N, C-alpha and C. Protein backbone atom coordinates (compact mmCIF):
# COMPACT_ATOMS: atom_id res chain seq x y z
N MET A 1 17.82 -7.34 15.09
CA MET A 1 18.40 -6.06 14.73
C MET A 1 18.55 -5.19 15.96
N ALA A 2 19.59 -4.40 15.92
CA ALA A 2 19.80 -3.45 17.01
C ALA A 2 18.83 -2.29 16.84
N GLY A 3 18.54 -1.60 17.92
CA GLY A 3 17.58 -0.51 17.90
C GLY A 3 17.95 0.64 17.00
N ASP A 4 19.26 0.82 16.73
CA ASP A 4 19.65 1.93 15.86
C ASP A 4 19.90 1.49 14.42
N ASP A 5 19.79 0.18 14.11
CA ASP A 5 19.84 -0.27 12.72
C ASP A 5 18.68 0.35 11.98
N ARG A 6 18.86 0.65 10.70
CA ARG A 6 17.80 1.30 9.93
C ARG A 6 17.12 0.29 9.02
N ILE A 7 15.79 0.41 8.95
CA ILE A 7 14.99 -0.43 8.06
C ILE A 7 13.96 0.45 7.35
N ARG A 8 13.57 0.03 6.16
CA ARG A 8 12.56 0.77 5.39
C ARG A 8 11.18 0.25 5.79
N LEU A 9 10.29 1.16 6.17
CA LEU A 9 8.97 0.77 6.68
C LEU A 9 7.86 1.50 5.94
N PHE A 10 6.70 0.85 5.87
CA PHE A 10 5.48 1.51 5.42
C PHE A 10 4.27 0.82 6.03
N CYS A 11 3.19 1.57 6.19
CA CYS A 11 1.92 1.05 6.67
C CYS A 11 0.98 0.96 5.47
N ALA A 12 0.20 -0.11 5.41
CA ALA A 12 -0.66 -0.31 4.24
C ALA A 12 -1.90 -1.10 4.60
N LEU A 13 -2.85 -1.06 3.67
CA LEU A 13 -4.01 -1.94 3.74
C LEU A 13 -3.64 -3.24 3.04
N GLN A 14 -3.90 -4.36 3.69
CA GLN A 14 -3.65 -5.67 3.08
C GLN A 14 -4.86 -6.05 2.24
N LEU A 15 -4.58 -6.61 1.08
CA LEU A 15 -5.66 -7.05 0.20
C LEU A 15 -5.98 -8.51 0.45
N GLN A 16 -7.25 -8.86 0.36
CA GLN A 16 -7.68 -10.22 0.60
C GLN A 16 -7.30 -11.12 -0.57
N GLU A 17 -7.27 -12.42 -0.32
CA GLU A 17 -6.82 -13.40 -1.31
C GLU A 17 -7.57 -13.29 -2.64
N GLU A 18 -8.89 -13.13 -2.59
CA GLU A 18 -9.65 -13.05 -3.85
C GLU A 18 -9.29 -11.80 -4.64
N THR A 19 -8.96 -10.72 -3.95
CA THR A 19 -8.52 -9.50 -4.63
C THR A 19 -7.15 -9.71 -5.25
N LEU A 20 -6.25 -10.35 -4.51
CA LEU A 20 -4.92 -10.64 -5.05
C LEU A 20 -5.02 -11.54 -6.27
N ASP A 21 -5.91 -12.53 -6.22
CA ASP A 21 -6.11 -13.42 -7.38
C ASP A 21 -6.60 -12.64 -8.58
N ALA A 22 -7.59 -11.77 -8.37
CA ALA A 22 -8.16 -11.00 -9.48
C ALA A 22 -7.13 -10.03 -10.06
N LEU A 23 -6.36 -9.37 -9.20
CA LEU A 23 -5.34 -8.44 -9.69
C LEU A 23 -4.22 -9.18 -10.42
N GLY A 24 -3.83 -10.34 -9.92
CA GLY A 24 -2.80 -11.13 -10.59
C GLY A 24 -3.24 -11.57 -11.97
N ALA A 25 -4.49 -12.01 -12.09
CA ALA A 25 -5.02 -12.41 -13.40
C ALA A 25 -5.09 -11.20 -14.34
N TRP A 26 -5.49 -10.06 -13.81
CA TRP A 26 -5.55 -8.84 -14.61
C TRP A 26 -4.16 -8.44 -15.11
N GLN A 27 -3.16 -8.49 -14.21
CA GLN A 27 -1.79 -8.17 -14.61
C GLN A 27 -1.34 -9.08 -15.76
N GLU A 28 -1.61 -10.36 -15.62
CA GLU A 28 -1.20 -11.33 -16.65
C GLU A 28 -1.88 -11.01 -17.98
N ARG A 29 -3.14 -10.67 -17.93
CA ARG A 29 -3.92 -10.41 -19.14
C ARG A 29 -3.58 -9.05 -19.76
N GLU A 30 -3.51 -8.01 -18.95
CA GLU A 30 -3.39 -6.64 -19.46
C GLU A 30 -1.96 -6.12 -19.57
N LEU A 31 -1.05 -6.66 -18.77
CA LEU A 31 0.30 -6.11 -18.74
C LEU A 31 1.33 -7.02 -19.40
N ARG A 32 0.89 -8.18 -19.87
CA ARG A 32 1.81 -9.10 -20.53
C ARG A 32 2.43 -8.40 -21.73
N GLY A 33 3.74 -8.48 -21.84
CA GLY A 33 4.44 -7.87 -22.95
C GLY A 33 4.80 -6.41 -22.73
N ALA A 34 4.27 -5.81 -21.68
CA ALA A 34 4.64 -4.42 -21.37
C ALA A 34 6.07 -4.41 -20.85
N GLY A 35 6.74 -3.30 -21.05
CA GLY A 35 8.06 -3.17 -20.43
C GLY A 35 7.88 -3.04 -18.93
N GLY A 36 8.95 -2.97 -18.24
CA GLY A 36 8.84 -2.83 -16.80
C GLY A 36 8.66 -4.17 -16.12
N ARG A 37 8.32 -4.11 -14.85
CA ARG A 37 8.22 -5.30 -14.03
C ARG A 37 6.90 -5.29 -13.26
N PRO A 38 6.00 -6.24 -13.56
CA PRO A 38 4.77 -6.31 -12.77
C PRO A 38 5.09 -6.54 -11.29
N VAL A 39 4.34 -5.90 -10.43
CA VAL A 39 4.52 -6.07 -8.99
C VAL A 39 4.05 -7.48 -8.63
N PRO A 40 4.89 -8.25 -7.92
CA PRO A 40 4.48 -9.61 -7.54
C PRO A 40 3.21 -9.61 -6.69
N ARG A 41 2.43 -10.66 -6.83
CA ARG A 41 1.16 -10.82 -6.11
C ARG A 41 1.31 -10.51 -4.63
N GLY A 42 2.33 -11.04 -4.00
CA GLY A 42 2.53 -10.86 -2.56
C GLY A 42 2.90 -9.45 -2.15
N ASN A 43 3.24 -8.59 -3.11
CA ASN A 43 3.60 -7.21 -2.81
C ASN A 43 2.47 -6.23 -3.07
N LEU A 44 1.33 -6.70 -3.57
CA LEU A 44 0.21 -5.79 -3.87
C LEU A 44 -0.45 -5.34 -2.57
N HIS A 45 -0.69 -4.05 -2.45
CA HIS A 45 -1.26 -3.46 -1.23
C HIS A 45 -1.72 -2.04 -1.55
N VAL A 46 -2.31 -1.37 -0.57
CA VAL A 46 -2.67 0.04 -0.68
C VAL A 46 -1.92 0.77 0.43
N THR A 47 -0.93 1.57 0.06
CA THR A 47 -0.10 2.26 1.05
C THR A 47 -0.90 3.32 1.80
N LEU A 48 -0.78 3.31 3.11
CA LEU A 48 -1.37 4.34 3.97
C LEU A 48 -0.34 5.42 4.26
N ALA A 49 0.90 5.00 4.54
CA ALA A 49 1.99 5.95 4.85
C ALA A 49 3.31 5.26 4.61
N PHE A 50 4.16 5.86 3.77
CA PHE A 50 5.51 5.35 3.53
C PHE A 50 6.46 6.11 4.44
N LEU A 51 7.11 5.40 5.34
CA LEU A 51 7.98 6.05 6.32
C LEU A 51 9.43 6.12 5.86
N GLY A 52 9.82 5.26 4.94
CA GLY A 52 11.22 5.24 4.50
C GLY A 52 12.11 4.61 5.54
N SER A 53 13.35 5.02 5.55
CA SER A 53 14.35 4.45 6.45
C SER A 53 14.14 4.97 7.87
N ARG A 54 13.92 4.04 8.80
CA ARG A 54 13.68 4.39 10.20
C ARG A 54 14.54 3.50 11.10
N PRO A 55 14.88 3.97 12.30
CA PRO A 55 15.58 3.11 13.25
C PRO A 55 14.70 1.91 13.63
N ALA A 56 15.29 0.73 13.63
CA ALA A 56 14.54 -0.48 13.97
C ALA A 56 13.89 -0.38 15.35
N GLY A 57 14.49 0.36 16.25
CA GLY A 57 13.95 0.53 17.59
C GLY A 57 12.60 1.23 17.64
N GLU A 58 12.22 1.91 16.56
CA GLU A 58 10.93 2.59 16.51
C GLU A 58 9.78 1.66 16.10
N THR A 59 10.11 0.48 15.64
CA THR A 59 9.10 -0.41 15.06
C THR A 59 7.94 -0.68 16.02
N GLY A 60 8.22 -0.93 17.27
CA GLY A 60 7.16 -1.22 18.24
C GLY A 60 6.19 -0.07 18.42
N ARG A 61 6.71 1.13 18.51
CA ARG A 61 5.84 2.31 18.68
C ARG A 61 5.03 2.56 17.41
N ILE A 62 5.66 2.40 16.26
CA ILE A 62 4.95 2.58 14.99
C ILE A 62 3.83 1.56 14.87
N ALA A 63 4.13 0.31 15.17
CA ALA A 63 3.11 -0.75 15.12
C ALA A 63 1.98 -0.46 16.10
N GLY A 64 2.31 0.06 17.27
CA GLY A 64 1.28 0.41 18.26
C GLY A 64 0.33 1.48 17.75
N GLU A 65 0.86 2.48 17.07
CA GLU A 65 0.01 3.53 16.51
C GLU A 65 -0.85 2.99 15.37
N LEU A 66 -0.29 2.10 14.55
CA LEU A 66 -1.08 1.49 13.48
C LEU A 66 -2.21 0.66 14.08
N ARG A 67 -1.92 -0.11 15.13
CA ARG A 67 -2.96 -0.92 15.79
C ARG A 67 -4.06 -0.04 16.34
N ALA A 68 -3.69 1.06 16.99
CA ALA A 68 -4.68 1.96 17.59
C ALA A 68 -5.56 2.59 16.50
N ALA A 69 -4.95 3.03 15.41
CA ALA A 69 -5.72 3.63 14.32
C ALA A 69 -6.63 2.59 13.68
N ALA A 70 -6.13 1.38 13.47
CA ALA A 70 -6.93 0.32 12.87
C ALA A 70 -8.11 -0.05 13.76
N ALA A 71 -7.89 -0.11 15.06
CA ALA A 71 -8.97 -0.46 15.99
C ALA A 71 -10.10 0.55 15.93
N ALA A 72 -9.77 1.81 15.68
CA ALA A 72 -10.78 2.87 15.62
C ALA A 72 -11.43 2.99 14.24
N ALA A 73 -10.91 2.25 13.27
CA ALA A 73 -11.37 2.38 11.87
C ALA A 73 -12.48 1.39 11.55
N ALA A 74 -13.21 1.70 10.51
CA ALA A 74 -14.22 0.78 9.97
C ALA A 74 -13.59 0.03 8.80
N PRO A 75 -14.08 -1.18 8.50
CA PRO A 75 -13.62 -1.84 7.28
C PRO A 75 -13.84 -0.93 6.07
N ALA A 76 -12.94 -1.03 5.12
CA ALA A 76 -12.95 -0.13 3.97
C ALA A 76 -13.46 -0.84 2.72
N GLU A 77 -14.05 -0.06 1.84
CA GLU A 77 -14.49 -0.55 0.55
C GLU A 77 -13.90 0.35 -0.54
N LEU A 78 -13.09 -0.23 -1.40
CA LEU A 78 -12.47 0.50 -2.50
C LEU A 78 -13.04 -0.02 -3.82
N ARG A 79 -13.17 0.87 -4.78
CA ARG A 79 -13.66 0.47 -6.11
C ARG A 79 -12.64 0.93 -7.15
N PRO A 80 -12.08 0.00 -7.94
CA PRO A 80 -11.13 0.38 -8.98
C PRO A 80 -11.78 1.33 -9.98
N LEU A 81 -11.06 2.43 -10.31
CA LEU A 81 -11.58 3.43 -11.23
C LEU A 81 -10.85 3.43 -12.57
N ARG A 82 -9.51 3.51 -12.50
CA ARG A 82 -8.76 3.67 -13.74
C ARG A 82 -7.30 3.28 -13.52
N TYR A 83 -6.61 3.05 -14.63
CA TYR A 83 -5.17 2.83 -14.61
C TYR A 83 -4.49 4.17 -14.83
N ARG A 84 -3.38 4.40 -14.11
CA ARG A 84 -2.65 5.66 -14.22
C ARG A 84 -1.16 5.37 -14.13
N GLU A 85 -0.36 6.14 -14.85
CA GLU A 85 1.08 5.99 -14.78
C GLU A 85 1.71 7.27 -14.23
N THR A 86 2.74 7.10 -13.40
CA THR A 86 3.58 8.20 -12.97
C THR A 86 4.92 8.00 -13.67
N ARG A 87 5.95 8.68 -13.22
CA ARG A 87 7.24 8.53 -13.88
C ARG A 87 7.88 7.16 -13.66
N SER A 88 7.44 6.42 -12.64
CA SER A 88 8.10 5.14 -12.36
C SER A 88 7.16 3.97 -12.07
N VAL A 89 5.87 4.21 -11.96
CA VAL A 89 4.94 3.11 -11.65
C VAL A 89 3.65 3.23 -12.43
N GLY A 90 3.01 2.07 -12.63
CA GLY A 90 1.65 2.00 -13.12
C GLY A 90 0.78 1.57 -11.96
N MET A 91 -0.39 2.18 -11.83
CA MET A 91 -1.25 1.90 -10.67
C MET A 91 -2.71 1.83 -11.07
N ILE A 92 -3.47 1.16 -10.23
CA ILE A 92 -4.92 1.18 -10.34
C ILE A 92 -5.41 2.13 -9.25
N VAL A 93 -5.97 3.24 -9.67
CA VAL A 93 -6.51 4.24 -8.76
C VAL A 93 -7.90 3.77 -8.33
N CYS A 94 -8.19 3.89 -7.05
CA CYS A 94 -9.46 3.41 -6.50
C CYS A 94 -10.27 4.55 -5.89
N GLU A 95 -11.56 4.37 -5.90
CA GLU A 95 -12.47 5.24 -5.17
C GLU A 95 -12.65 4.67 -3.77
N ASP A 96 -12.58 5.52 -2.77
CA ASP A 96 -12.85 5.12 -1.39
C ASP A 96 -14.36 5.28 -1.18
N VAL A 97 -15.09 4.21 -1.37
CA VAL A 97 -16.55 4.25 -1.43
C VAL A 97 -17.17 4.85 -0.18
N THR A 98 -16.73 4.42 0.99
CA THR A 98 -17.33 4.87 2.25
C THR A 98 -16.53 5.97 2.94
N GLY A 99 -15.31 6.22 2.49
CA GLY A 99 -14.43 7.19 3.15
C GLY A 99 -13.63 6.59 4.29
N ALA A 100 -13.85 5.32 4.60
CA ALA A 100 -13.17 4.68 5.73
C ALA A 100 -11.66 4.57 5.51
N ALA A 101 -11.24 4.27 4.30
CA ALA A 101 -9.81 4.13 4.03
C ALA A 101 -9.10 5.48 4.16
N THR A 102 -9.72 6.53 3.66
CA THR A 102 -9.14 7.87 3.76
C THR A 102 -9.05 8.30 5.22
N ALA A 103 -10.09 8.04 5.98
CA ALA A 103 -10.07 8.38 7.42
C ALA A 103 -8.95 7.62 8.13
N LEU A 104 -8.77 6.35 7.80
CA LEU A 104 -7.70 5.57 8.41
C LEU A 104 -6.34 6.13 8.01
N ALA A 105 -6.15 6.42 6.72
CA ALA A 105 -4.87 6.97 6.26
C ALA A 105 -4.55 8.26 7.00
N GLU A 106 -5.53 9.14 7.13
CA GLU A 106 -5.31 10.40 7.83
C GLU A 106 -4.97 10.18 9.30
N ASP A 107 -5.66 9.23 9.94
CA ASP A 107 -5.39 8.94 11.35
C ASP A 107 -3.99 8.35 11.52
N VAL A 108 -3.63 7.38 10.69
CA VAL A 108 -2.29 6.77 10.77
C VAL A 108 -1.22 7.84 10.55
N GLN A 109 -1.39 8.65 9.52
CA GLN A 109 -0.40 9.68 9.21
C GLN A 109 -0.26 10.68 10.36
N ALA A 110 -1.36 11.10 10.95
CA ALA A 110 -1.31 12.05 12.07
C ALA A 110 -0.60 11.42 13.27
N ARG A 111 -0.92 10.18 13.57
CA ARG A 111 -0.28 9.50 14.71
C ARG A 111 1.23 9.36 14.50
N LEU A 112 1.61 8.96 13.28
CA LEU A 112 3.03 8.77 13.00
C LEU A 112 3.78 10.10 12.94
N GLU A 113 3.09 11.14 12.52
CA GLU A 113 3.68 12.47 12.51
C GLU A 113 3.97 12.93 13.95
N ARG A 114 3.01 12.66 14.85
CA ARG A 114 3.22 13.01 16.26
C ARG A 114 4.41 12.27 16.86
N LEU A 115 4.65 11.05 16.38
CA LEU A 115 5.81 10.28 16.85
C LEU A 115 7.12 10.83 16.30
N GLY A 116 7.02 11.62 15.24
CA GLY A 116 8.22 12.10 14.57
C GLY A 116 8.76 11.08 13.57
N ALA A 117 7.92 10.09 13.22
CA ALA A 117 8.35 9.02 12.31
C ALA A 117 7.86 9.23 10.88
N TYR A 118 7.09 10.28 10.64
CA TYR A 118 6.48 10.49 9.33
C TYR A 118 6.25 11.97 9.10
N ARG A 119 6.34 12.35 7.85
CA ARG A 119 6.01 13.72 7.46
C ARG A 119 5.02 13.65 6.31
N ARG A 120 3.86 14.26 6.50
CA ARG A 120 2.81 14.19 5.47
C ARG A 120 3.23 14.89 4.18
N GLU A 121 2.71 14.35 3.09
CA GLU A 121 2.93 14.97 1.80
C GLU A 121 1.92 16.12 1.62
N ALA A 122 2.24 17.05 0.76
CA ALA A 122 1.35 18.19 0.52
C ALA A 122 0.09 17.75 -0.22
N ARG A 123 0.23 16.76 -1.10
CA ARG A 123 -0.93 16.31 -1.88
C ARG A 123 -1.79 15.37 -1.04
N PRO A 124 -3.08 15.31 -1.32
CA PRO A 124 -3.96 14.41 -0.55
C PRO A 124 -3.64 12.94 -0.85
N TRP A 125 -3.96 12.09 0.11
CA TRP A 125 -3.76 10.65 -0.02
C TRP A 125 -4.61 10.12 -1.18
N LEU A 126 -4.04 9.25 -1.98
CA LEU A 126 -4.72 8.66 -3.13
C LEU A 126 -4.75 7.15 -2.98
N PRO A 127 -5.93 6.56 -2.78
CA PRO A 127 -5.97 5.10 -2.66
C PRO A 127 -5.66 4.47 -4.02
N HIS A 128 -4.63 3.63 -4.04
CA HIS A 128 -4.24 2.97 -5.29
C HIS A 128 -3.44 1.71 -4.99
N VAL A 129 -3.38 0.85 -5.99
CA VAL A 129 -2.56 -0.36 -5.92
C VAL A 129 -1.52 -0.24 -7.03
N THR A 130 -0.25 -0.22 -6.68
CA THR A 130 0.81 -0.20 -7.68
C THR A 130 0.91 -1.60 -8.28
N VAL A 131 0.79 -1.68 -9.62
CA VAL A 131 0.77 -2.98 -10.30
C VAL A 131 1.95 -3.17 -11.26
N LEU A 132 2.70 -2.09 -11.55
CA LEU A 132 3.80 -2.17 -12.51
C LEU A 132 4.86 -1.14 -12.15
N ARG A 133 6.13 -1.54 -12.24
CA ARG A 133 7.25 -0.61 -12.02
C ARG A 133 8.07 -0.56 -13.30
N PHE A 134 8.59 0.64 -13.62
CA PHE A 134 9.37 0.80 -14.83
C PHE A 134 10.34 1.97 -14.69
N ARG A 135 11.27 2.04 -15.62
CA ARG A 135 12.25 3.14 -15.63
C ARG A 135 11.67 4.41 -16.24
N ARG A 136 10.76 4.25 -17.18
CA ARG A 136 10.06 5.40 -17.78
C ARG A 136 8.64 4.95 -18.11
N PRO A 137 7.70 5.88 -18.15
CA PRO A 137 6.30 5.51 -18.39
C PRO A 137 6.14 4.69 -19.67
N GLU A 138 5.25 3.72 -19.59
CA GLU A 138 4.99 2.81 -20.70
C GLU A 138 3.93 3.33 -21.66
N GLY A 139 3.11 4.29 -21.21
CA GLY A 139 2.04 4.81 -22.05
C GLY A 139 0.92 3.82 -22.27
N LEU A 140 0.70 2.96 -21.28
CA LEU A 140 -0.35 1.94 -21.38
C LEU A 140 -1.71 2.54 -21.07
N HIS A 141 -2.75 1.91 -21.61
CA HIS A 141 -4.13 2.32 -21.35
C HIS A 141 -5.02 1.09 -21.18
N PRO A 142 -4.65 0.19 -20.25
CA PRO A 142 -5.46 -1.02 -20.08
C PRO A 142 -6.81 -0.71 -19.43
N GLU A 143 -7.76 -1.59 -19.66
CA GLU A 143 -9.05 -1.47 -18.98
C GLU A 143 -8.83 -1.63 -17.48
N VAL A 144 -9.68 -1.02 -16.69
CA VAL A 144 -9.59 -1.13 -15.23
C VAL A 144 -9.71 -2.59 -14.83
N ALA A 145 -9.00 -2.95 -13.77
CA ALA A 145 -8.91 -4.35 -13.34
C ALA A 145 -10.25 -5.03 -13.18
N ASN A 146 -11.19 -4.36 -12.56
CA ASN A 146 -12.54 -4.92 -12.41
C ASN A 146 -13.46 -3.81 -11.95
N THR A 147 -14.72 -4.08 -11.91
CA THR A 147 -15.67 -3.07 -11.48
C THR A 147 -16.32 -3.43 -10.14
N CYS A 148 -15.83 -4.49 -9.52
CA CYS A 148 -16.39 -4.87 -8.23
C CYS A 148 -15.61 -4.18 -7.11
N SER A 149 -16.17 -4.17 -5.94
CA SER A 149 -15.53 -3.53 -4.80
C SER A 149 -14.45 -4.42 -4.21
N ILE A 150 -13.46 -3.78 -3.63
CA ILE A 150 -12.40 -4.45 -2.90
C ILE A 150 -12.68 -4.19 -1.42
N HIS A 151 -12.95 -5.23 -0.69
CA HIS A 151 -13.24 -5.09 0.74
C HIS A 151 -11.94 -5.30 1.52
N VAL A 152 -11.61 -4.34 2.36
CA VAL A 152 -10.37 -4.38 3.12
C VAL A 152 -10.71 -4.43 4.60
N VAL A 153 -10.14 -5.42 5.30
CA VAL A 153 -10.42 -5.57 6.72
C VAL A 153 -9.16 -5.58 7.58
N ARG A 154 -7.98 -5.47 6.94
CA ARG A 154 -6.72 -5.59 7.69
C ARG A 154 -5.71 -4.56 7.20
N SER A 155 -4.94 -4.04 8.15
CA SER A 155 -3.81 -3.18 7.83
C SER A 155 -2.55 -3.90 8.28
N ALA A 156 -1.41 -3.41 7.83
CA ALA A 156 -0.16 -4.06 8.21
C ALA A 156 0.99 -3.06 8.21
N LEU A 157 1.99 -3.36 9.04
CA LEU A 157 3.26 -2.66 9.01
C LEU A 157 4.21 -3.56 8.24
N TYR A 158 4.79 -3.02 7.18
CA TYR A 158 5.68 -3.78 6.32
C TYR A 158 7.11 -3.26 6.43
N ARG A 159 8.05 -4.18 6.24
CA ARG A 159 9.45 -3.83 6.03
C ARG A 159 9.74 -4.06 4.56
N SER A 160 10.37 -3.11 3.92
CA SER A 160 10.73 -3.20 2.51
C SER A 160 12.23 -3.45 2.41
N ILE A 161 12.60 -4.52 1.73
CA ILE A 161 14.01 -4.86 1.53
C ILE A 161 14.30 -4.76 0.04
N LEU A 162 15.16 -3.82 -0.32
CA LEU A 162 15.47 -3.61 -1.73
C LEU A 162 16.49 -4.63 -2.20
N GLY A 163 16.29 -5.11 -3.44
CA GLY A 163 17.22 -6.06 -4.03
C GLY A 163 17.31 -5.85 -5.53
N ARG A 164 18.20 -6.57 -6.18
CA ARG A 164 18.39 -6.42 -7.62
C ARG A 164 17.15 -6.79 -8.41
N ASP A 165 16.37 -7.71 -7.89
CA ASP A 165 15.15 -8.15 -8.59
C ASP A 165 13.92 -7.39 -8.11
N GLY A 166 14.10 -6.29 -7.44
CA GLY A 166 12.98 -5.51 -6.92
C GLY A 166 12.90 -5.64 -5.41
N ALA A 167 11.89 -5.02 -4.85
CA ALA A 167 11.72 -5.02 -3.40
C ALA A 167 11.00 -6.29 -2.93
N ARG A 168 11.33 -6.69 -1.72
CA ARG A 168 10.59 -7.76 -1.04
C ARG A 168 9.95 -7.12 0.18
N TYR A 169 8.68 -7.41 0.40
CA TYR A 169 7.96 -6.84 1.53
C TYR A 169 7.69 -7.92 2.55
N ASP A 170 8.08 -7.67 3.78
CA ASP A 170 7.82 -8.58 4.89
C ASP A 170 6.81 -7.92 5.83
N VAL A 171 5.76 -8.63 6.18
CA VAL A 171 4.78 -8.12 7.13
C VAL A 171 5.34 -8.28 8.54
N LEU A 172 5.46 -7.18 9.25
CA LEU A 172 5.96 -7.22 10.63
C LEU A 172 4.82 -7.35 11.63
N GLU A 173 3.68 -6.78 11.29
CA GLU A 173 2.52 -6.85 12.19
C GLU A 173 1.26 -6.53 11.39
N THR A 174 0.15 -7.18 11.76
CA THR A 174 -1.13 -6.87 11.14
C THR A 174 -2.10 -6.38 12.21
N ALA A 175 -3.09 -5.63 11.78
CA ALA A 175 -4.12 -5.13 12.67
C ALA A 175 -5.44 -5.08 11.92
N PHE A 176 -6.46 -5.71 12.48
CA PHE A 176 -7.78 -5.71 11.85
C PHE A 176 -8.46 -4.37 12.03
N LEU A 177 -9.13 -3.91 10.97
CA LEU A 177 -9.87 -2.67 11.05
C LEU A 177 -11.11 -2.90 11.92
N GLY A 178 -11.30 -2.03 12.87
CA GLY A 178 -12.41 -2.18 13.81
C GLY A 178 -12.06 -3.03 15.00
N GLY A 179 -10.80 -3.38 15.15
CA GLY A 179 -10.35 -4.15 16.33
C GLY A 179 -10.42 -5.63 16.15
């Protein structure tokens, strides 16, 4: 891609295989028959900062800031709390047990804001995993996915490619928390 081509980017916490397996099984059990579209296993993550459409030429600098923030961060522990719906998604809201994920999100957002690649939202960051997408809320009340902790040790810069069957997320770079 040329440096001025635009791509959709976001930074996120990558979930480990056992977490993806547990969430996939939960989706199958709890969301089967619901309207909307369950988020594919490979797209499950915890967003740190959604940048939207950015020039492809910025990718290296954005990845560098994510790497620096991840190196300074501690591994995170999230605990699923409840299912929640917004106007277009169903999510599992998590508790940031140690505060490490929130600290990382704030650091990443501040770094990207200084680059001019991101603008913080007025509301505080909410750790969550989007598990269902829909045109209007489904009014579901499934039990929380599990009561065990989700251990997160890696962050990633993703490219989002929109398509008729939903978005596809490609990992452009990963960075381990704590270096």
